[in-house]
């Protein structure tokens, strides 16, 4: 496998190579990012019920209010 290196930058979430670089459609590429330090990622966990029998406690109730109701 032959490897060729091109330099580019990321603009609006897309990798932009130099103007003189043209690659055929569906060309497989590999991206190496020098001097990049990823910060910590936040992860939000979904709540879980300890007792699935409590699911009925969270049932939605729909209440219709007349459009001319006052607060």
PDB file of N, CA and C in Angstrom:
ATOM      1  N   UNK A   1       0.862  -1.178   0.000  1.00  0.00           N
ATOM      2  CA  UNK A   1       0.000   0.000   0.000  1.00  0.00           C
ATOM      3  C   UNK A   1       0.898   1.226   0.000  1.00  0.00           C
ATOM      4  N   UNK A   2       0.638   2.136  -0.902  1.00  0.00           N
ATOM      5  CA  UNK A   2       1.384   3.376  -1.004  1.00  0.00           C
ATOM      6  C   UNK A   2       0.655   4.451  -0.219  1.00  0.00           C
ATOM      7  N   UNK A   3       1.372   5.298   0.494  1.00  0.00           N
ATOM      8  CA  UNK A   3       0.769   6.358   1.306  1.00  0.00           C
ATOM      9  C   UNK A   3       1.258   7.707   0.817  1.00  0.00           C
ATOM     10  N   UNK A   4       0.322   8.628   0.620  1.00  0.00           N
ATOM     11  CA  UNK A   4       0.622  10.003   0.225  1.00  0.00           C
ATOM     12  C   UNK A   4       0.026  10.913   1.291  1.00  0.00           C
ATOM     13  N   UNK A   5       0.732  11.961   1.663  1.00  0.00           N
ATOM     14  CA  UNK A   5       0.267  12.857   2.714  1.00  0.00           C
ATOM     15  C   UNK A   5      -0.095  14.215   2.133  1.00  0.00           C
ATOM     16  N   UNK A   6      -1.284  14.737   2.530  1.00  0.00           N
ATOM     17  CA  UNK A   6      -1.728  16.070   2.158  1.00  0.00           C
ATOM     18  C   UNK A   6      -2.072  16.818   3.429  1.00  0.00           C
ATOM     19  N   UNK A   7      -1.857  18.109   3.436  1.00  0.00           N
ATOM     20  CA  UNK A   7      -2.230  18.914   4.592  1.00  0.00           C
ATOM     21  C   UNK A   7      -3.528  19.639   4.281  1.00  0.00           C
ATOM     22  N   UNK A   8      -4.378  19.746   5.285  1.00  0.00           N
ATOM     23  CA  UNK A   8      -5.641  20.439   5.123  1.00  0.00           C
ATOM     24  C   UNK A   8      -6.079  21.028   6.445  1.00  0.00           C
ATOM     25  N   UNK A   9      -7.243  21.658   6.445  1.00  0.00           N
ATOM     26  CA  UNK A   9      -7.816  22.231   7.664  1.00  0.00           C
ATOM     27  C   UNK A   9      -9.297  21.873   7.718  1.00  0.00           C
ATOM     28  N   UNK A  10      -9.868  21.996   8.910  1.00  0.00           N
ATOM     29  CA  UNK A  10     -11.295  21.742   9.077  1.00  0.00           C
ATOM     30  C   UNK A  10     -12.020  23.077   9.031  1.00  0.00           C
ATOM     31  N   UNK A  11     -12.996  23.202   8.140  1.00  0.00           N
ATOM     32  CA  UNK A  11     -13.809  24.412   8.020  1.00  0.00           C
ATOM     33  C   UNK A  11     -15.274  23.986   8.012  1.00  0.00           C
ATOM     34  N   UNK A  12     -16.050  24.521   8.952  1.00  0.00           N
ATOM     35  CA  UNK A  12     -17.472  24.190   9.066  1.00  0.00           C
ATOM     36  C   UNK A  12     -17.703  22.687   9.157  1.00  0.00           C
ATOM     37  N   UNK A  13     -16.820  21.991   9.871  1.00  0.00           N
ATOM     38  CA  UNK A  13     -16.985  20.563  10.088  1.00  0.00           C
ATOM     39  C   UNK A  13     -16.534  19.673   8.943  1.00  0.00           C
ATOM     40  N   UNK A  14     -16.008  20.247   7.869  1.00  0.00           N
ATOM     41  CA  UNK A  14     -15.542  19.447   6.736  1.00  0.00           C
ATOM     42  C   UNK A  14     -14.042  19.658   6.552  1.00  0.00           C
ATOM     43  N   UNK A  15     -13.351  18.622   6.135  1.00  0.00           N
ATOM     44  CA  UNK A  15     -11.913  18.723   5.892  1.00  0.00           C
ATOM     45  C   UNK A  15     -11.686  19.329   4.521  1.00  0.00           C
ATOM     46  N   UNK A  16     -10.938  20.414   4.490  1.00  0.00           N
ATOM     47  CA  UNK A  16     -10.623  21.098   3.237  1.00  0.00           C
ATOM     48  C   UNK A  16      -9.146  20.882   2.925  1.00  0.00           C
ATOM     49  N   UNK A  17      -8.864  20.235   1.810  1.00  0.00           N
ATOM     50  CA  UNK A  17      -7.488  20.036   1.366  1.00  0.00           C
ATOM     51  C   UNK A  17      -7.073  21.220   0.511  1.00  0.00           C
ATOM     52  N   UNK A  18      -5.816  21.290   0.160  1.00  0.00           N
ATOM     53  CA  UNK A  18      -5.317  22.385  -0.669  1.00  0.00           C
ATOM     54  C   UNK A  18      -6.004  22.420  -2.028  1.00  0.00           C
ATOM     55  N   UNK A  19      -5.950  23.577  -2.691  1.00  0.00           N
ATOM     56  CA  UNK A  19      -6.626  23.755  -3.978  1.00  0.00           C
ATOM     57  C   UNK A  19      -6.096  22.812  -5.049  1.00  0.00           C
ATOM     58  N   UNK A  20      -4.831  22.422  -4.934  1.00  0.00           N
ATOM     59  CA  UNK A  20      -4.244  21.583  -5.985  1.00  0.00           C
ATOM     60  C   UNK A  20      -4.482  20.093  -5.750  1.00  0.00           C
ATOM     61  N   UNK A  21      -5.262  19.731  -4.743  1.00  0.00           N
ATOM     62  CA  UNK A  21      -5.521  18.322  -4.428  1.00  0.00           C
ATOM     63  C   UNK A  21      -6.906  17.938  -4.941  1.00  0.00           C
ATOM     64  N   UNK A  22      -6.947  16.953  -5.804  1.00  0.00           N
ATOM     65  CA  UNK A  22      -8.226  16.398  -6.262  1.00  0.00           C
ATOM     66  C   UNK A  22      -8.159  14.886  -6.073  1.00  0.00           C
ATOM     67  N   UNK A  23      -9.151  14.350  -5.405  1.00  0.00           N
ATOM     68  CA  UNK A  23      -9.208  12.916  -5.159  1.00  0.00           C
ATOM     69  C   UNK A  23     -10.439  12.346  -5.858  1.00  0.00           C
ATOM     70  N   UNK A  24     -10.319  11.144  -6.400  1.00  0.00           N
ATOM     71  CA  UNK A  24     -11.480  10.530  -7.028  1.00  0.00           C
ATOM     72  C   UNK A  24     -12.582  10.270  -5.999  1.00  0.00           C
ATOM     73  N   UNK A  25     -13.822  10.287  -6.428  1.00  0.00           N
ATOM     74  CA  UNK A  25     -14.965  10.010  -5.561  1.00  0.00           C
ATOM     75  C   UNK A  25     -14.799   8.635  -4.924  1.00  0.00           C
ATOM     76  N   UNK A  26     -15.215   8.506  -3.674  1.00  0.00           N
ATOM     77  CA  UNK A  26     -15.147   7.269  -2.895  1.00  0.00           C
ATOM     78  C   UNK A  26     -13.728   6.811  -2.579  1.00  0.00           C
ATOM     79  N   UNK A  27     -12.770   7.740  -2.602  1.00  0.00           N
ATOM     80  CA  UNK A  27     -11.405   7.399  -2.219  1.00  0.00           C
ATOM     81  C   UNK A  27     -11.357   7.176  -0.717  1.00  0.00           C
ATOM     82  N   UNK A  28     -10.764   6.086  -0.273  1.00  0.00           N
ATOM     83  CA  UNK A  28     -10.615   5.813   1.157  1.00  0.00           C
ATOM     84  C   UNK A  28      -9.467   6.666   1.683  1.00  0.00           C
ATOM     85  N   UNK A  29      -9.728   7.393   2.760  1.00  0.00           N
ATOM     86  CA  UNK A  29      -8.712   8.250   3.357  1.00  0.00           C
ATOM     87  C   UNK A  29      -8.618   7.956   4.855  1.00  0.00           C
ATOM     88  N   UNK A  30      -7.485   8.271   5.440  1.00  0.00           N
ATOM     89  CA  UNK A  30      -7.257   8.137   6.872  1.00  0.00           C
ATOM     90  C   UNK A  30      -6.836   9.505   7.385  1.00  0.00           C
ATOM     91  N   UNK A  31      -7.377   9.913   8.513  1.00  0.00           N
ATOM     92  CA  UNK A  31      -7.096  11.238   9.047  1.00  0.00           C
ATOM     93  C   UNK A  31      -6.232  11.101  10.299  1.00  0.00           C
ATOM     94  N   UNK A  32      -5.078  11.743  10.303  1.00  0.00           N
ATOM     95  CA  UNK A  32      -4.200  11.813  11.462  1.00  0.00           C
ATOM     96  C   UNK A  32      -4.210  13.256  11.934  1.00  0.00           C
ATOM     97  N   UNK A  33      -4.407  13.467  13.238  1.00  0.00           N
ATOM     98  CA  UNK A  33      -4.514  14.823  13.766  1.00  0.00           C
ATOM     99  C   UNK A  33      -3.344  15.072  14.707  1.00  0.00           C
ATOM    100  N   UNK A  34      -2.355  15.877  14.286  1.00  0.00           N
ATOM    101  CA  UNK A  34      -1.213  16.154  15.161  1.00  0.00           C
ATOM    102  C   UNK A  34      -1.559  17.192  16.225  1.00  0.00           C
ATOM    103  N   UNK A  35      -0.932  17.072  17.384  1.00  0.00           N
ATOM    104  CA  UNK A  35      -1.056  18.062  18.462  1.00  0.00           C
ATOM    105  C   UNK A  35      -2.499  18.314  18.885  1.00  0.00           C
ATOM    106  N   UNK A  36      -3.303  17.281  18.978  1.00  0.00           N
ATOM    107  CA  UNK A  36      -4.700  17.427  19.368  1.00  0.00           C
ATOM    108  C   UNK A  36      -4.909  16.768  20.715  1.00  0.00           C
ATOM    109  N   UNK A  37      -5.471  17.508  21.656  1.00  0.00           N
ATOM    110  CA  UNK A  37      -5.775  16.949  22.967  1.00  0.00           C
ATOM    111  C   UNK A  37      -7.282  17.038  23.181  1.00  0.00           C
ATOM    112  N   UNK A  38      -7.906  15.900  23.264  1.00  0.00           N
ATOM    113  CA  UNK A  38      -9.352  15.873  23.486  1.00  0.00           C
ATOM    114  C   UNK A  38      -9.629  16.105  24.961  1.00  0.00           C
ATOM    115  N   UNK A  39     -10.587  16.987  25.238  1.00  0.00           N
ATOM    116  CA  UNK A  39     -10.978  17.261  26.610  1.00  0.00           C
ATOM    117  C   UNK A  39     -11.890  16.163  27.125  1.00  0.00           C
ATOM    118  N   UNK A  40     -12.208  16.219  28.403  1.00  0.00           N
ATOM    119  CA  UNK A  40     -13.111  15.206  28.958  1.00  0.00           C
ATOM    120  C   UNK A  40     -14.495  15.312  28.329  1.00  0.00           C
ATOM    121  N   UNK A  41     -15.114  14.173  28.103  1.00  0.00           N
ATOM    122  CA  UNK A  41     -16.438  14.139  27.496  1.00  0.00           C
ATOM    123  C   UNK A  41     -17.480  13.937  28.583  1.00  0.00           C
ATOM    124  N   UNK A  42     -18.542  14.683  28.485  1.00  0.00           N
ATOM    125  CA  UNK A  42     -19.651  14.527  29.426  1.00  0.00           C
ATOM    126  C   UNK A  42     -20.552  13.403  28.930  1.00  0.00           C
ATOM    127  N   UNK A  43     -21.035  12.609  29.847  1.00  0.00           N
ATOM    128  CA  UNK A  43     -21.951  11.532  29.490  1.00  0.00           C
ATOM    129  C   UNK A  43     -23.164  11.624  30.409  1.00  0.00           C
ATOM    130  N   UNK A  44     -24.323  11.738  29.823  1.00  0.00           N
ATOM    131  CA  UNK A  44     -25.557  11.811  30.597  1.00  0.00           C
ATOM    132  C   UNK A  44     -26.222  10.447  30.524  1.00  0.00           C
ATOM    133  N   UNK A  45     -26.390   9.848  31.676  1.00  0.00           N
ATOM    134  CA  UNK A  45     -26.997   8.531  31.736  1.00  0.00           C
ATOM    135  C   UNK A  45     -28.514   8.657  31.799  1.00  0.00           C
ATOM    136  N   UNK A  46     -29.213   7.696  31.230  1.00  0.00           N
ATOM    137  CA  UNK A  46     -30.666   7.654  31.307  1.00  0.00           C
ATOM    138  C   UNK A  46     -31.059   7.095  32.668  1.00  0.00           C
ATOM    139  N   UNK A  47     -32.096   7.647  33.283  1.00  0.00           N
ATOM    140  CA  UNK A  47     -32.514   7.103  34.576  1.00  0.00           C
ATOM    141  C   UNK A  47     -33.101   5.701  34.404  1.00  0.00           C
ATOM    142  N   UNK A  48     -32.893   4.890  35.428  1.00  0.00           N
ATOM    143  CA  UNK A  48     -33.413   3.519  35.422  1.00  0.00           C
ATOM    144  C   UNK A  48     -34.192   3.301  36.712  1.00  0.00           C
ATOM    145  N   UNK A  49     -35.283   2.598  36.613  1.00  0.00           N
ATOM    146  CA  UNK A  49     -36.071   2.271  37.797  1.00  0.00           C
ATOM    147  C   UNK A  49     -35.498   1.027  38.455  1.00  0.00           C
ATOM    148  N   UNK A  50     -35.398   1.052  39.776  1.00  0.00           N
ATOM    149  CA  UNK A  50     -34.956  -0.129  40.504  1.00  0.00           C
ATOM    150  C   UNK A  50     -36.046  -1.186  40.423  1.00  0.00           C
ATOM    151  N   UNK A  51     -37.288  -0.753  40.553  1.00  0.00           N
ATOM    152  CA  UNK A  51     -38.426  -1.669  40.498  1.00  0.00           C
ATOM    153  C   UNK A  51     -39.280  -1.320  39.284  1.00  0.00           C
ATOM    154  N   UNK A  52     -39.252  -2.125  38.226  1.00  0.00           N
ATOM    155  CA  UNK A  52     -40.051  -1.815  37.033  1.00  0.00           C
ATOM    156  C   UNK A  52     -41.538  -1.678  37.324  1.00  0.00           C
ATOM    157  N   UNK A  53     -42.010  -2.211  38.442  1.00  0.00           N
ATOM    158  CA  UNK A  53     -43.414  -2.072  38.810  1.00  0.00           C
ATOM    159  C   UNK A  53     -43.792  -0.631  39.115  1.00  0.00           C
ATOM    160  N   UNK A  54     -42.798   0.246  39.327  1.00  0.00           N
ATOM    161  CA  UNK A  54     -43.060   1.654  39.604  1.00  0.00           C
ATOM    162  C   UNK A  54     -43.294   2.466  38.332  1.00  0.00           C
ATOM    163  N   UNK A  55     -43.223   1.850  37.183  1.00  0.00           N
ATOM    164  CA  UNK A  55     -43.384   2.572  35.919  1.00  0.00           C
ATOM    165  C   UNK A  55     -44.735   3.267  35.838  1.00  0.00           C
ATOM    166  N   UNK A  56     -45.758   2.692  36.444  1.00  0.00           N
ATOM    167  CA  UNK A  56     -47.088   3.311  36.398  1.00  0.00           C
ATOM    168  C   UNK A  56     -47.109   4.642  37.152  1.00  0.00           C
ATOM    169  N   UNK A  57     -46.168   4.858  38.081  1.00  0.00           N
ATOM    170  CA  UNK A  57     -46.085   6.132  38.798  1.00  0.00           C
ATOM    171  C   UNK A  57     -45.721   7.283  37.862  1.00  0.00           C
ATOM    172  N   UNK A  58     -45.177   6.963  36.696  1.00  0.00           N
ATOM    173  CA  UNK A  58     -44.718   7.985  35.763  1.00  0.00           C
ATOM    174  C   UNK A  58     -45.608   8.089  34.531  1.00  0.00           C
ATOM    175  N   UNK A  59     -46.827   7.574  34.606  1.00  0.00           N
ATOM    176  CA  UNK A  59     -47.757   7.647  33.477  1.00  0.00           C
ATOM    177  C   UNK A  59     -48.143   9.099  33.234  1.00  0.00           C
ATOM    178  N   UNK A  60     -48.209   9.492  31.969  1.00  0.00           N
ATOM    179  CA  UNK A  60     -48.575  10.869  31.608  1.00  0.00           C
ATOM    180  C   UNK A  60     -50.075  11.055  31.711  1.00  0.00           C
ATOM    181  N   UNK A  61     -50.455  12.230  32.119  1.00  0.00           N
ATOM    182  CA  UNK A  61     -51.871  12.573  32.187  1.00  0.00           C
ATOM    183  C   UNK A  61     -52.069  13.809  31.314  1.00  0.00           C
ATOM    184  N   UNK A  62     -52.985  13.739  30.367  1.00  0.00           N
ATOM    185  CA  UNK A  62     -53.246  14.854  29.464  1.00  0.00           C
ATOM    186  C   UNK A  62     -54.477  15.599  29.946  1.00  0.00           C
ATOM    187  N   UNK A  63     -54.319  16.896  30.148  1.00  0.00           N
ATOM    188  CA  UNK A  63     -55.416  17.734  30.603  1.00  0.00           C
ATOM    189  C   UNK A  63     -55.642  18.800  29.549  1.00  0.00           C
ATOM    190  N   UNK A  64     -56.860  18.863  29.006  1.00  0.00           N
ATOM    191  CA  UNK A  64     -57.171  19.873  28.006  1.00  0.00           C
ATOM    192  C   UNK A  64     -57.758  21.090  28.705  1.00  0.00           C
ATOM    193  N   UNK A  65     -57.262  22.269  28.311  1.00  0.00           N
ATOM    194  CA  UNK A  65     -57.720  23.516  28.896  1.00  0.00           C
ATOM    195  C   UNK A  65     -58.386  24.313  27.798  1.00  0.00           C
ATOM    196  N   UNK A  66     -59.508  24.938  28.126  1.00  0.00           N
ATOM    197  CA  UNK A  66     -60.196  25.746  27.135  1.00  0.00           C
ATOM    198  C   UNK A  66     -59.301  26.908  26.701  1.00  0.00           C
ATOM    199  N   UNK A  67     -59.347  27.296  25.415  1.00  0.00           N
ATOM    200  CA  UNK A  67     -58.456  28.345  24.917  1.00  0.00           C
ATOM    201  C   UNK A  67     -58.668  29.699  25.601  1.00  0.00           C
ATOM    202  N   UNK A  68     -59.830  29.927  26.213  1.00  0.00           N
ATOM    203  CA  UNK A  68     -60.069  31.214  26.853  1.00  0.00           C
ATOM    204  C   UNK A  68     -59.888  31.155  28.381  1.00  0.00           C
ATOM    205  N   UNK A  69     -59.212  30.135  28.823  1.00  0.00           N
ATOM    206  CA  UNK A  69     -59.000  29.965  30.265  1.00  0.00           C
ATOM    207  C   UNK A  69     -58.070  31.068  30.776  1.00  0.00           C
ATOM    208  N   UNK A  70     -58.343  31.506  31.980  1.00  0.00           N
ATOM    209  CA  UNK A  70     -57.466  32.517  32.586  1.00  0.00           C
ATOM    210  C   UNK A  70     -56.525  31.827  33.561  1.00  0.00           C
ATOM    211  N   UNK A  71     -55.413  32.463  33.767  1.00  0.00           N
ATOM    212  CA  UNK A  71     -54.429  31.884  34.683  1.00  0.00           C
ATOM    213  C   UNK A  71     -54.596  32.417  36.067  1.00  0.00           C
TER     214      UNK A  71
END
